[in-house]
Amino acid sequence: MGKHVSLTAADSFKLGGYRAEPAGKPKGAVVVIQEIFGVNKNIRATCDEFAALGYVAIAPALFDRTRRDFESGYSPEEVTEARKFLASPDIGAMLRDTQAAIDEVKAAGPVGIVGFCLGGSIAFLAACKLNGLSAAVGYYGGMIAKNAGEKPKIPVMLHFGATDPSIPLTDVETIKQQRPEIEVFVYDGAGHAFSNSDRPSFHGPSAEIAGKRTRDFLAKNLK
């Protein structure tokens, strides 16, 4: 359904991405932000799913500045390799590249952003700092709590797993206290990456509920 595309950031850096088109006239667009595993099969499938719902969907390759076309699976060795990208992440560059994706699809109508893991944090920061968005959804973003002092410019929804070893519930409480305007959901029995059906941590019941909430939230705000 989708195709690989080239995007140009404000500093003229050219990055890759994946774009999926809906069958008919788009009702808006969704920017999908990757986990640390790149724009891999799961992220491309997520774009395809949003396209099937009627949105133009695009996933910018946020690691292209470090390693072009990086994508991986989820074996222990691949997880170790992917985590190297978090050693000193250039969040400013990732936000510039995210803005390039927003600008690429804004002609389709209102634009939302949905991110997972690293992408969940980027989605939250995009809601606070970037332009052209109408709604943001973040799944298990580990950097959100320390940035909770930032005020989103648009409606935001966040999803967390109750048993996520990398995001303690105290972090979730910090977010709730500092950002009471945000919809925050915690899923019992779910850990990190509970929404990724390709990973062992997938938790179907939680993923289904979170997915419906996300779809409803986007439908409400992208119009």
N, C-alpha and C. Protein backbone atom coordinates (compact mmCIF):
# COMPACT_ATOMS: atom_id res chain seq x y z
N MET A 1 0.83 -1.21 0.00
CA MET A 1 0.00 0.00 0.00
C MET A 1 0.86 1.26 0.00
N GLY A 2 2.03 1.21 0.65
CA GLY A 2 2.84 2.41 0.80
C GLY A 2 4.07 2.41 -0.09
N LYS A 3 4.84 3.50 0.02
CA LYS A 3 6.06 3.62 -0.77
C LYS A 3 7.09 4.40 0.04
N HIS A 4 8.35 4.20 -0.31
CA HIS A 4 9.41 4.96 0.33
C HIS A 4 9.51 6.33 -0.30
N VAL A 5 9.74 7.35 0.54
CA VAL A 5 9.79 8.73 0.07
C VAL A 5 11.02 9.43 0.64
N SER A 6 11.33 10.59 0.09
CA SER A 6 12.41 11.43 0.58
C SER A 6 11.82 12.71 1.15
N LEU A 7 12.31 13.12 2.31
CA LEU A 7 11.86 14.33 2.97
C LEU A 7 13.05 15.27 3.15
N THR A 8 12.76 16.56 3.21
CA THR A 8 13.83 17.54 3.42
C THR A 8 13.51 18.38 4.64
N ALA A 9 14.42 18.35 5.63
CA ALA A 9 14.23 19.11 6.86
C ALA A 9 14.62 20.58 6.65
N ALA A 10 14.32 21.39 7.66
CA ALA A 10 14.57 22.83 7.56
C ALA A 10 16.05 23.16 7.38
N ASP A 11 16.94 22.28 7.86
CA ASP A 11 18.38 22.51 7.69
C ASP A 11 18.91 21.88 6.42
N SER A 12 18.00 21.51 5.51
CA SER A 12 18.30 20.94 4.19
C SER A 12 18.75 19.48 4.24
N PHE A 13 18.73 18.85 5.41
CA PHE A 13 19.07 17.43 5.47
C PHE A 13 17.95 16.62 4.81
N LYS A 14 18.35 15.66 4.00
CA LYS A 14 17.38 14.79 3.34
C LYS A 14 17.32 13.44 4.04
N LEU A 15 16.14 13.05 4.45
CA LEU A 15 15.92 11.79 5.13
C LEU A 15 14.89 10.98 4.39
N GLY A 16 14.88 9.70 4.67
CA GLY A 16 13.90 8.82 4.07
C GLY A 16 12.63 8.74 4.89
N GLY A 17 11.69 7.98 4.38
CA GLY A 17 10.44 7.78 5.09
C GLY A 17 9.57 6.80 4.32
N TYR A 18 8.44 6.48 4.92
CA TYR A 18 7.47 5.57 4.31
C TYR A 18 6.13 6.27 4.32
N ARG A 19 5.46 6.28 3.18
CA ARG A 19 4.17 6.97 3.06
C ARG A 19 3.13 6.02 2.49
N ALA A 20 1.96 6.01 3.12
CA ALA A 20 0.84 5.18 2.67
C ALA A 20 -0.36 6.08 2.40
N GLU A 21 -1.04 5.82 1.30
CA GLU A 21 -2.17 6.65 0.88
C GLU A 21 -3.50 5.92 1.10
N PRO A 22 -4.54 6.64 1.47
CA PRO A 22 -5.86 6.02 1.58
C PRO A 22 -6.44 5.74 0.20
N ALA A 23 -7.47 4.93 0.16
CA ALA A 23 -8.08 4.57 -1.12
C ALA A 23 -8.82 5.74 -1.75
N GLY A 24 -9.48 6.54 -0.92
CA GLY A 24 -10.26 7.66 -1.44
C GLY A 24 -9.69 8.99 -0.99
N LYS A 25 -10.53 10.00 -0.98
CA LYS A 25 -10.10 11.33 -0.54
C LYS A 25 -9.69 11.27 0.93
N PRO A 26 -8.50 11.73 1.28
CA PRO A 26 -8.06 11.64 2.67
C PRO A 26 -8.87 12.54 3.60
N LYS A 27 -9.05 12.06 4.82
CA LYS A 27 -9.74 12.88 5.82
C LYS A 27 -8.75 13.56 6.76
N GLY A 28 -7.48 13.52 6.39
CA GLY A 28 -6.43 14.08 7.21
C GLY A 28 -5.17 13.25 7.05
N ALA A 29 -4.23 13.46 7.96
CA ALA A 29 -2.97 12.73 7.88
C ALA A 29 -2.48 12.36 9.27
N VAL A 30 -1.69 11.30 9.34
CA VAL A 30 -1.08 10.86 10.60
C VAL A 30 0.41 10.65 10.37
N VAL A 31 1.22 11.30 11.19
CA VAL A 31 2.66 11.06 11.20
C VAL A 31 2.94 9.98 12.24
N VAL A 32 3.56 8.91 11.81
CA VAL A 32 3.86 7.77 12.70
C VAL A 32 5.34 7.81 13.06
N ILE A 33 5.64 7.85 14.35
CA ILE A 33 7.03 7.96 14.79
C ILE A 33 7.50 6.64 15.38
N GLN A 34 8.61 6.20 14.88
CA GLN A 34 9.20 4.89 15.14
C GLN A 34 9.63 4.64 16.58
N GLU A 35 9.77 3.36 16.89
CA GLU A 35 10.53 2.93 18.07
C GLU A 35 12.01 3.05 17.72
N ILE A 36 12.87 2.49 18.55
CA ILE A 36 14.31 2.53 18.27
C ILE A 36 14.71 1.56 17.16
N PHE A 37 13.74 0.86 16.58
CA PHE A 37 14.05 -0.16 15.58
C PHE A 37 13.89 0.35 14.15
N GLY A 38 13.75 1.66 14.01
CA GLY A 38 13.67 2.25 12.68
C GLY A 38 12.29 2.12 12.06
N VAL A 39 12.21 2.51 10.79
CA VAL A 39 10.95 2.38 10.06
C VAL A 39 10.89 0.96 9.53
N ASN A 40 10.62 0.05 10.45
CA ASN A 40 10.67 -1.38 10.11
C ASN A 40 9.28 -1.89 9.71
N LYS A 41 9.16 -3.19 9.60
CA LYS A 41 7.91 -3.80 9.12
C LYS A 41 6.71 -3.39 9.98
N ASN A 42 6.90 -3.33 11.28
CA ASN A 42 5.80 -2.98 12.17
C ASN A 42 5.34 -1.53 11.96
N ILE A 43 6.29 -0.62 11.81
CA ILE A 43 5.94 0.79 11.61
C ILE A 43 5.29 0.98 10.25
N ARG A 44 5.79 0.29 9.24
CA ARG A 44 5.16 0.39 7.92
C ARG A 44 3.75 -0.17 7.95
N ALA A 45 3.55 -1.27 8.69
CA ALA A 45 2.20 -1.83 8.82
C ALA A 45 1.27 -0.88 9.55
N THR A 46 1.81 -0.16 10.54
CA THR A 46 1.00 0.83 11.26
C THR A 46 0.57 1.94 10.32
N CYS A 47 1.47 2.40 9.46
CA CYS A 47 1.10 3.39 8.45
C CYS A 47 0.00 2.85 7.54
N ASP A 48 0.15 1.62 7.11
CA ASP A 48 -0.86 1.02 6.24
C ASP A 48 -2.23 0.97 6.93
N GLU A 49 -2.23 0.69 8.23
CA GLU A 49 -3.48 0.63 8.98
C GLU A 49 -4.16 2.00 9.04
N PHE A 50 -3.37 3.05 9.26
CA PHE A 50 -3.96 4.39 9.28
C PHE A 50 -4.46 4.78 7.90
N ALA A 51 -3.74 4.36 6.86
CA ALA A 51 -4.21 4.64 5.49
C ALA A 51 -5.54 3.95 5.23
N ALA A 52 -5.69 2.74 5.74
CA ALA A 52 -6.95 2.01 5.57
C ALA A 52 -8.11 2.72 6.27
N LEU A 53 -7.80 3.53 7.27
CA LEU A 53 -8.82 4.30 7.99
C LEU A 53 -9.14 5.61 7.29
N GLY A 54 -8.40 5.92 6.21
CA GLY A 54 -8.70 7.12 5.45
C GLY A 54 -7.71 8.25 5.59
N TYR A 55 -6.60 8.00 6.28
CA TYR A 55 -5.59 9.03 6.46
C TYR A 55 -4.38 8.80 5.55
N VAL A 56 -3.77 9.88 5.09
CA VAL A 56 -2.41 9.78 4.57
C VAL A 56 -1.51 9.52 5.78
N ALA A 57 -0.67 8.51 5.71
CA ALA A 57 0.20 8.18 6.84
C ALA A 57 1.65 8.22 6.40
N ILE A 58 2.50 8.81 7.24
CA ILE A 58 3.92 8.92 6.89
C ILE A 58 4.78 8.68 8.11
N ALA A 59 5.85 7.93 7.93
CA ALA A 59 6.80 7.63 9.01
C ALA A 59 8.18 8.12 8.59
N PRO A 60 8.68 9.20 9.18
CA PRO A 60 10.02 9.68 8.85
C PRO A 60 11.08 8.79 9.48
N ALA A 61 12.18 8.60 8.77
CA ALA A 61 13.29 7.76 9.26
C ALA A 61 14.19 8.61 10.14
N LEU A 62 13.91 8.63 11.43
CA LEU A 62 14.57 9.57 12.33
C LEU A 62 16.02 9.22 12.65
N PHE A 63 16.47 8.06 12.26
CA PHE A 63 17.88 7.70 12.50
C PHE A 63 18.76 7.92 11.27
N ASP A 64 18.20 8.47 10.20
CA ASP A 64 18.97 8.62 8.97
C ASP A 64 20.20 9.52 9.15
N ARG A 65 20.15 10.43 10.08
CA ARG A 65 21.32 11.30 10.30
C ARG A 65 22.49 10.52 10.90
N THR A 66 22.16 9.42 11.58
CA THR A 66 23.20 8.60 12.20
C THR A 66 23.55 7.38 11.34
N ARG A 67 22.51 6.69 10.88
CA ARG A 67 22.71 5.52 10.03
C ARG A 67 21.53 5.41 9.07
N ARG A 68 21.79 5.67 7.83
CA ARG A 68 20.71 5.73 6.84
C ARG A 68 20.06 4.36 6.65
N ASP A 69 18.74 4.37 6.55
CA ASP A 69 17.94 3.17 6.24
C ASP A 69 18.03 2.10 7.33
N PHE A 70 18.34 2.50 8.55
CA PHE A 70 18.41 1.50 9.63
C PHE A 70 17.02 0.98 9.96
N GLU A 71 16.91 -0.34 10.04
CA GLU A 71 15.72 -0.98 10.60
C GLU A 71 16.14 -2.34 11.14
N SER A 72 15.44 -2.80 12.15
CA SER A 72 15.82 -4.08 12.74
C SER A 72 14.62 -4.81 13.31
N GLY A 73 14.87 -6.05 13.69
CA GLY A 73 13.88 -6.85 14.39
C GLY A 73 14.10 -6.72 15.89
N TYR A 74 13.74 -7.78 16.63
CA TYR A 74 13.66 -7.66 18.08
C TYR A 74 14.43 -8.74 18.84
N SER A 75 15.39 -9.39 18.20
CA SER A 75 16.20 -10.37 18.91
C SER A 75 17.03 -9.62 19.96
N PRO A 76 17.52 -10.31 20.99
CA PRO A 76 18.34 -9.63 22.00
C PRO A 76 19.50 -8.86 21.39
N GLU A 77 20.13 -9.45 20.38
CA GLU A 77 21.26 -8.78 19.75
C GLU A 77 20.81 -7.51 19.02
N GLU A 78 19.66 -7.59 18.35
CA GLU A 78 19.15 -6.42 17.63
C GLU A 78 18.70 -5.33 18.60
N VAL A 79 18.13 -5.72 19.72
CA VAL A 79 17.72 -4.74 20.72
C VAL A 79 18.95 -4.00 21.26
N THR A 80 20.01 -4.75 21.54
CA THR A 80 21.25 -4.14 22.03
C THR A 80 21.80 -3.13 21.03
N GLU A 81 21.79 -3.51 19.75
CA GLU A 81 22.29 -2.63 18.71
C GLU A 81 21.41 -1.38 18.58
N ALA A 82 20.10 -1.57 18.61
CA ALA A 82 19.18 -0.44 18.45
C ALA A 82 19.29 0.55 19.61
N ARG A 83 19.57 0.04 20.80
CA ARG A 83 19.66 0.92 21.97
C ARG A 83 20.83 1.89 21.88
N LYS A 84 21.79 1.59 21.03
CA LYS A 84 22.94 2.49 20.87
C LYS A 84 22.49 3.86 20.37
N PHE A 85 21.36 3.90 19.67
CA PHE A 85 20.87 5.18 19.17
C PHE A 85 20.40 6.09 20.29
N LEU A 86 20.17 5.52 21.47
CA LEU A 86 19.71 6.32 22.60
C LEU A 86 20.85 6.82 23.47
N ALA A 87 22.09 6.46 23.11
CA ALA A 87 23.24 6.87 23.93
C ALA A 87 23.35 8.39 23.99
N SER A 88 23.18 9.05 22.88
CA SER A 88 23.22 10.53 22.85
C SER A 88 22.30 11.01 21.73
N PRO A 89 21.00 10.85 21.92
CA PRO A 89 20.06 11.20 20.85
C PRO A 89 20.00 12.70 20.62
N ASP A 90 19.96 13.10 19.36
CA ASP A 90 19.82 14.50 19.00
C ASP A 90 18.33 14.78 18.83
N ILE A 91 17.68 15.12 19.92
CA ILE A 91 16.23 15.32 19.90
C ILE A 91 15.85 16.48 19.01
N GLY A 92 16.67 17.52 19.01
CA GLY A 92 16.39 18.67 18.15
C GLY A 92 16.33 18.28 16.68
N ALA A 93 17.29 17.44 16.26
CA ALA A 93 17.30 16.99 14.86
C ALA A 93 16.09 16.11 14.57
N MET A 94 15.73 15.24 15.52
CA MET A 94 14.56 14.38 15.32
C MET A 94 13.30 15.21 15.17
N LEU A 95 13.21 16.31 15.92
CA LEU A 95 12.03 17.17 15.80
C LEU A 95 12.03 17.92 14.47
N ARG A 96 13.20 18.32 13.98
CA ARG A 96 13.25 18.94 12.66
C ARG A 96 12.79 17.96 11.58
N ASP A 97 13.22 16.71 11.72
CA ASP A 97 12.83 15.71 10.74
C ASP A 97 11.35 15.37 10.85
N THR A 98 10.82 15.42 12.07
CA THR A 98 9.39 15.21 12.27
C THR A 98 8.59 16.35 11.65
N GLN A 99 9.09 17.58 11.80
CA GLN A 99 8.41 18.72 11.18
C GLN A 99 8.38 18.57 9.66
N ALA A 100 9.46 18.02 9.09
CA ALA A 100 9.49 17.80 7.65
C ALA A 100 8.38 16.85 7.21
N ALA A 101 8.13 15.82 8.04
CA ALA A 101 7.05 14.88 7.73
C ALA A 101 5.69 15.55 7.85
N ILE A 102 5.50 16.38 8.88
CA ILE A 102 4.24 17.11 9.04
C ILE A 102 3.98 17.98 7.81
N ASP A 103 5.01 18.71 7.41
CA ASP A 103 4.86 19.60 6.27
C ASP A 103 4.56 18.83 4.98
N GLU A 104 5.11 17.63 4.88
CA GLU A 104 4.93 16.82 3.67
C GLU A 104 3.47 16.42 3.47
N VAL A 105 2.73 16.23 4.56
CA VAL A 105 1.37 15.68 4.44
C VAL A 105 0.27 16.67 4.81
N LYS A 106 0.61 17.91 5.14
CA LYS A 106 -0.40 18.84 5.64
C LYS A 106 -1.45 19.20 4.60
N ALA A 107 -1.12 19.01 3.32
CA ALA A 107 -2.10 19.29 2.28
C ALA A 107 -3.29 18.33 2.32
N ALA A 108 -3.12 17.20 3.02
CA ALA A 108 -4.19 16.21 3.10
C ALA A 108 -5.29 16.60 4.08
N GLY A 109 -5.03 17.62 4.92
CA GLY A 109 -6.00 18.03 5.92
C GLY A 109 -5.36 18.09 7.29
N PRO A 110 -6.15 18.05 8.37
CA PRO A 110 -5.60 18.10 9.71
C PRO A 110 -4.60 16.96 9.95
N VAL A 111 -3.53 17.25 10.68
CA VAL A 111 -2.46 16.27 10.88
C VAL A 111 -2.37 15.87 12.35
N GLY A 112 -2.35 14.56 12.59
CA GLY A 112 -2.09 14.03 13.92
C GLY A 112 -0.74 13.35 13.93
N ILE A 113 -0.25 13.05 15.11
CA ILE A 113 1.02 12.33 15.25
C ILE A 113 0.84 11.22 16.28
N VAL A 114 1.36 10.04 15.97
CA VAL A 114 1.29 8.89 16.86
C VAL A 114 2.68 8.28 16.95
N GLY A 115 3.21 8.15 18.17
CA GLY A 115 4.56 7.62 18.32
C GLY A 115 4.63 6.53 19.37
N PHE A 116 5.63 5.67 19.22
CA PHE A 116 5.80 4.50 20.08
C PHE A 116 7.20 4.48 20.67
N CYS A 117 7.29 4.27 22.00
CA CYS A 117 8.58 4.17 22.69
C CYS A 117 9.33 5.50 22.49
N LEU A 118 10.49 5.50 21.89
CA LEU A 118 11.16 6.76 21.54
C LEU A 118 10.19 7.68 20.83
N GLY A 119 9.43 7.13 19.91
CA GLY A 119 8.46 7.93 19.16
C GLY A 119 7.36 8.52 20.03
N GLY A 120 7.03 7.85 21.13
CA GLY A 120 6.05 8.40 22.06
C GLY A 120 6.55 9.69 22.68
N SER A 121 7.83 9.71 23.03
CA SER A 121 8.44 10.93 23.58
C SER A 121 8.49 12.02 22.52
N ILE A 122 8.87 11.65 21.30
CA ILE A 122 8.93 12.63 20.22
C ILE A 122 7.55 13.19 19.91
N ALA A 123 6.52 12.34 19.95
CA ALA A 123 5.16 12.81 19.70
C ALA A 123 4.75 13.85 20.73
N PHE A 124 5.08 13.60 22.00
CA PHE A 124 4.75 14.57 23.05
C PHE A 124 5.49 15.89 22.82
N LEU A 125 6.79 15.81 22.56
CA LEU A 125 7.57 17.03 22.34
C LEU A 125 7.10 17.76 21.08
N ALA A 126 6.69 17.00 20.07
CA ALA A 126 6.15 17.63 18.86
C ALA A 126 4.89 18.42 19.19
N ALA A 127 4.06 17.87 20.08
CA ALA A 127 2.83 18.56 20.48
C ALA A 127 3.14 19.89 21.17
N CYS A 128 4.29 19.96 21.81
CA CYS A 128 4.68 21.16 22.55
C CYS A 128 5.43 22.17 21.68
N LYS A 129 6.21 21.67 20.73
CA LYS A 129 7.19 22.52 20.05
C LYS A 129 6.97 22.72 18.55
N LEU A 130 6.28 21.81 17.89
CA LEU A 130 6.19 21.89 16.43
C LEU A 130 4.89 22.55 15.98
N ASN A 131 4.83 22.82 14.69
CA ASN A 131 3.67 23.50 14.11
C ASN A 131 2.94 22.59 13.13
N GLY A 132 1.65 22.83 13.00
CA GLY A 132 0.88 22.13 11.98
C GLY A 132 0.18 20.88 12.45
N LEU A 133 0.21 20.61 13.75
CA LEU A 133 -0.44 19.42 14.29
C LEU A 133 -1.77 19.78 14.94
N SER A 134 -2.69 18.79 14.91
CA SER A 134 -4.00 18.98 15.56
C SER A 134 -4.23 18.02 16.72
N ALA A 135 -3.44 16.96 16.83
CA ALA A 135 -3.58 15.99 17.92
C ALA A 135 -2.32 15.15 18.00
N ALA A 136 -2.02 14.65 19.19
CA ALA A 136 -0.83 13.81 19.39
C ALA A 136 -1.15 12.65 20.33
N VAL A 137 -0.61 11.47 19.99
CA VAL A 137 -0.77 10.28 20.82
C VAL A 137 0.61 9.67 21.05
N GLY A 138 0.93 9.43 22.31
CA GLY A 138 2.21 8.83 22.64
C GLY A 138 2.03 7.51 23.39
N TYR A 139 2.69 6.48 22.90
CA TYR A 139 2.70 5.18 23.58
C TYR A 139 4.04 5.01 24.31
N TYR A 140 3.96 4.76 25.60
CA TYR A 140 5.11 4.44 26.46
C TYR A 140 6.39 5.20 26.11
N GLY A 141 6.24 6.53 26.16
CA GLY A 141 7.40 7.39 25.92
C GLY A 141 8.18 7.62 27.20
N GLY A 142 9.40 7.15 27.23
CA GLY A 142 10.19 7.19 28.46
C GLY A 142 10.74 8.55 28.84
N MET A 143 10.75 9.50 27.89
CA MET A 143 11.31 10.83 28.18
C MET A 143 10.22 11.86 28.48
N ILE A 144 8.97 11.42 28.53
CA ILE A 144 7.89 12.39 28.71
C ILE A 144 7.90 12.97 30.13
N ALA A 145 8.13 12.13 31.13
CA ALA A 145 8.05 12.61 32.52
C ALA A 145 9.03 13.75 32.78
N LYS A 146 10.25 13.61 32.27
CA LYS A 146 11.25 14.66 32.54
C LYS A 146 10.99 15.91 31.72
N ASN A 147 10.10 15.81 30.75
CA ASN A 147 9.71 16.98 29.95
C ASN A 147 8.28 17.42 30.22
N ALA A 148 7.72 16.94 31.32
CA ALA A 148 6.31 17.21 31.61
C ALA A 148 6.03 18.69 31.89
N GLY A 149 7.07 19.45 32.14
CA GLY A 149 6.89 20.89 32.33
C GLY A 149 6.56 21.62 31.04
N GLU A 150 6.80 20.96 29.90
CA GLU A 150 6.46 21.54 28.61
C GLU A 150 4.93 21.49 28.41
N LYS A 151 4.37 22.54 27.86
CA LYS A 151 2.91 22.60 27.69
C LYS A 151 2.54 22.32 26.24
N PRO A 152 1.74 21.29 26.00
CA PRO A 152 1.30 21.00 24.62
C PRO A 152 0.41 22.10 24.06
N LYS A 153 0.52 22.31 22.77
CA LYS A 153 -0.31 23.30 22.07
C LYS A 153 -1.58 22.68 21.52
N ILE A 154 -1.69 21.36 21.61
CA ILE A 154 -2.80 20.62 20.99
C ILE A 154 -3.25 19.52 21.95
N PRO A 155 -4.40 18.89 21.72
CA PRO A 155 -4.83 17.77 22.55
C PRO A 155 -3.84 16.60 22.47
N VAL A 156 -3.59 15.99 23.62
CA VAL A 156 -2.62 14.88 23.71
C VAL A 156 -3.24 13.72 24.48
N MET A 157 -2.98 12.52 24.00
CA MET A 157 -3.35 11.29 24.70
C MET A 157 -2.10 10.43 24.88
N LEU A 158 -1.93 9.86 26.08
CA LEU A 158 -0.77 9.02 26.36
C LEU A 158 -1.19 7.66 26.88
N HIS A 159 -0.45 6.63 26.47
CA HIS A 159 -0.70 5.25 26.91
C HIS A 159 0.56 4.68 27.57
N PHE A 160 0.36 4.02 28.72
CA PHE A 160 1.47 3.38 29.45
C PHE A 160 1.07 2.00 29.95
N GLY A 161 2.04 1.11 30.04
CA GLY A 161 1.82 -0.20 30.63
C GLY A 161 2.10 -0.17 32.13
N ALA A 162 1.24 -0.79 32.90
CA ALA A 162 1.39 -0.75 34.36
C ALA A 162 2.64 -1.47 34.84
N THR A 163 3.10 -2.45 34.06
CA THR A 163 4.26 -3.23 34.49
C THR A 163 5.49 -2.96 33.62
N ASP A 164 5.53 -1.77 33.01
CA ASP A 164 6.67 -1.38 32.17
C ASP A 164 7.90 -1.19 33.06
N PRO A 165 8.95 -2.01 32.89
CA PRO A 165 10.12 -1.89 33.76
C PRO A 165 10.93 -0.62 33.49
N SER A 166 10.74 0.00 32.33
CA SER A 166 11.53 1.18 32.00
C SER A 166 10.83 2.49 32.31
N ILE A 167 9.53 2.44 32.61
CA ILE A 167 8.78 3.65 32.95
C ILE A 167 8.00 3.38 34.23
N PRO A 168 8.55 3.77 35.38
CA PRO A 168 7.84 3.51 36.65
C PRO A 168 6.55 4.30 36.73
N LEU A 169 5.60 3.78 37.49
CA LEU A 169 4.32 4.46 37.64
C LEU A 169 4.46 5.82 38.31
N THR A 170 5.57 6.01 39.04
CA THR A 170 5.81 7.34 39.61
C THR A 170 6.02 8.37 38.50
N ASP A 171 6.61 7.95 37.38
CA ASP A 171 6.76 8.85 36.24
C ASP A 171 5.40 9.21 35.66
N VAL A 172 4.53 8.21 35.57
CA VAL A 172 3.19 8.46 35.04
C VAL A 172 2.44 9.44 35.94
N GLU A 173 2.61 9.28 37.25
CA GLU A 173 1.96 10.20 38.19
C GLU A 173 2.50 11.62 38.03
N THR A 174 3.79 11.73 37.78
CA THR A 174 4.39 13.05 37.53
C THR A 174 3.73 13.72 36.35
N ILE A 175 3.53 12.95 35.29
CA ILE A 175 2.88 13.50 34.08
C ILE A 175 1.45 13.93 34.40
N LYS A 176 0.72 13.09 35.11
CA LYS A 176 -0.66 13.42 35.45
C LYS A 176 -0.75 14.69 36.28
N GLN A 177 0.18 14.85 37.22
CA GLN A 177 0.14 16.01 38.11
C GLN A 177 0.53 17.29 37.37
N GLN A 178 1.54 17.19 36.52
CA GLN A 178 2.02 18.40 35.83
C GLN A 178 1.19 18.75 34.60
N ARG A 179 0.53 17.76 34.02
CA ARG A 179 -0.22 17.99 32.79
C ARG A 179 -1.63 17.41 32.93
N PRO A 180 -2.44 17.99 33.82
CA PRO A 180 -3.79 17.44 34.05
C PRO A 180 -4.69 17.53 32.83
N GLU A 181 -4.31 18.35 31.85
CA GLU A 181 -5.15 18.49 30.65
C GLU A 181 -4.97 17.32 29.67
N ILE A 182 -3.96 16.48 29.91
CA ILE A 182 -3.68 15.37 29.01
C ILE A 182 -4.46 14.13 29.45
N GLU A 183 -4.97 13.39 28.46
CA GLU A 183 -5.60 12.10 28.75
C GLU A 183 -4.51 11.04 28.89
N VAL A 184 -4.40 10.47 30.07
CA VAL A 184 -3.36 9.47 30.34
C VAL A 184 -4.03 8.16 30.74
N PHE A 185 -3.66 7.08 30.07
CA PHE A 185 -4.22 5.76 30.36
C PHE A 185 -3.11 4.79 30.74
N VAL A 186 -3.38 3.99 31.77
CA VAL A 186 -2.44 2.96 32.22
C VAL A 186 -3.14 1.61 32.11
N TYR A 187 -2.45 0.63 31.55
CA TYR A 187 -3.05 -0.66 31.24
C TYR A 187 -2.49 -1.76 32.14
N ASP A 188 -3.35 -2.31 32.99
CA ASP A 188 -2.95 -3.39 33.87
C ASP A 188 -2.52 -4.62 33.07
N GLY A 189 -1.47 -5.25 33.50
CA GLY A 189 -0.99 -6.45 32.83
C GLY A 189 -0.15 -6.18 31.60
N ALA A 190 0.02 -4.91 31.26
CA ALA A 190 0.79 -4.55 30.07
C ALA A 190 2.15 -3.99 30.46
N GLY A 191 3.17 -4.36 29.70
CA GLY A 191 4.51 -3.84 29.92
C GLY A 191 4.89 -2.88 28.82
N HIS A 192 6.19 -2.74 28.60
CA HIS A 192 6.67 -1.86 27.55
C HIS A 192 6.36 -2.48 26.19
N ALA A 193 6.09 -1.63 25.20
CA ALA A 193 5.82 -2.09 23.83
C ALA A 193 4.62 -3.03 23.75
N PHE A 194 3.64 -2.82 24.62
CA PHE A 194 2.49 -3.73 24.65
C PHE A 194 1.66 -3.67 23.38
N SER A 195 1.83 -2.61 22.58
CA SER A 195 1.01 -2.46 21.38
C SER A 195 1.65 -3.05 20.13
N ASN A 196 2.89 -3.50 20.24
CA ASN A 196 3.61 -4.02 19.07
C ASN A 196 3.40 -5.52 18.95
N SER A 197 2.60 -5.93 17.99
CA SER A 197 2.24 -7.35 17.85
C SER A 197 3.41 -8.23 17.41
N ASP A 198 4.51 -7.62 17.00
CA ASP A 198 5.69 -8.40 16.59
C ASP A 198 6.66 -8.66 17.73
N ARG A 199 6.37 -8.13 18.91
CA ARG A 199 7.30 -8.28 20.04
C ARG A 199 6.72 -9.19 21.11
N PRO A 200 7.58 -9.87 21.88
CA PRO A 200 7.09 -10.77 22.93
C PRO A 200 6.26 -10.06 23.99
N SER A 201 6.48 -8.77 24.14
CA SER A 201 5.77 -8.01 25.17
C SER A 201 4.36 -7.60 24.74
N PHE A 202 3.95 -7.98 23.54
CA PHE A 202 2.62 -7.63 23.05
C PHE A 202 1.54 -8.11 24.02
N HIS A 203 0.61 -7.22 24.33
CA HIS A 203 -0.51 -7.55 25.22
C HIS A 203 -1.80 -7.20 24.49
N GLY A 204 -2.39 -8.20 23.86
CA GLY A 204 -3.51 -7.99 22.97
C GLY A 204 -4.66 -7.19 23.54
N PRO A 205 -5.17 -7.55 24.73
CA PRO A 205 -6.32 -6.80 25.26
C PRO A 205 -6.03 -5.31 25.44
N SER A 206 -4.84 -5.01 25.95
CA SER A 206 -4.48 -3.60 26.15
C SER A 206 -4.28 -2.89 24.82
N ALA A 207 -3.64 -3.58 23.88
CA ALA A 207 -3.42 -2.98 22.57
C ALA A 207 -4.73 -2.65 21.88
N GLU A 208 -5.71 -3.54 22.03
CA GLU A 208 -7.01 -3.32 21.40
C GLU A 208 -7.71 -2.10 21.98
N ILE A 209 -7.70 -1.98 23.31
CA ILE A 209 -8.35 -0.84 23.95
C ILE A 209 -7.63 0.45 23.60
N ALA A 210 -6.30 0.43 23.69
CA ALA A 210 -5.52 1.63 23.37
C ALA A 210 -5.70 2.04 21.91
N GLY A 211 -5.75 1.05 21.04
CA GLY A 211 -5.94 1.33 19.62
C GLY A 211 -7.26 2.01 19.34
N LYS A 212 -8.34 1.51 19.99
CA LYS A 212 -9.65 2.13 19.79
C LYS A 212 -9.67 3.55 20.33
N ARG A 213 -9.06 3.73 21.50
CA ARG A 213 -9.01 5.08 22.06
C ARG A 213 -8.25 6.03 21.14
N THR A 214 -7.17 5.53 20.59
CA THR A 214 -6.36 6.35 19.68
C THR A 214 -7.15 6.72 18.43
N ARG A 215 -7.81 5.74 17.83
CA ARG A 215 -8.60 6.00 16.62
C ARG A 215 -9.72 7.00 16.90
N ASP A 216 -10.40 6.84 18.02
CA ASP A 216 -11.50 7.75 18.37
C ASP A 216 -10.96 9.16 18.62
N PHE A 217 -9.82 9.24 19.27
CA PHE A 217 -9.20 10.52 19.60
C PHE A 217 -8.80 11.26 18.31
N LEU A 218 -8.22 10.54 17.37
CA LEU A 218 -7.84 11.15 16.12
C LEU A 218 -9.09 11.59 15.33
N ALA A 219 -10.10 10.72 15.29
CA ALA A 219 -11.32 11.07 14.57
C ALA A 219 -11.97 12.34 15.14
N LYS A 220 -11.90 12.49 16.46
CA LYS A 220 -12.49 13.65 17.12
C LYS A 220 -11.72 14.94 16.80
N ASN A 221 -10.40 14.83 16.71
CA ASN A 221 -9.55 16.03 16.62
C ASN A 221 -9.06 16.35 15.22
N LEU A 222 -9.14 15.39 14.31
CA LEU A 222 -8.69 15.64 12.94
C LEU A 222 -9.89 15.87 12.04
N LYS A 223 -10.52 17.02 12.19
CA LYS A 223 -11.69 17.33 11.38
C LYS A 223 -11.87 18.84 11.29
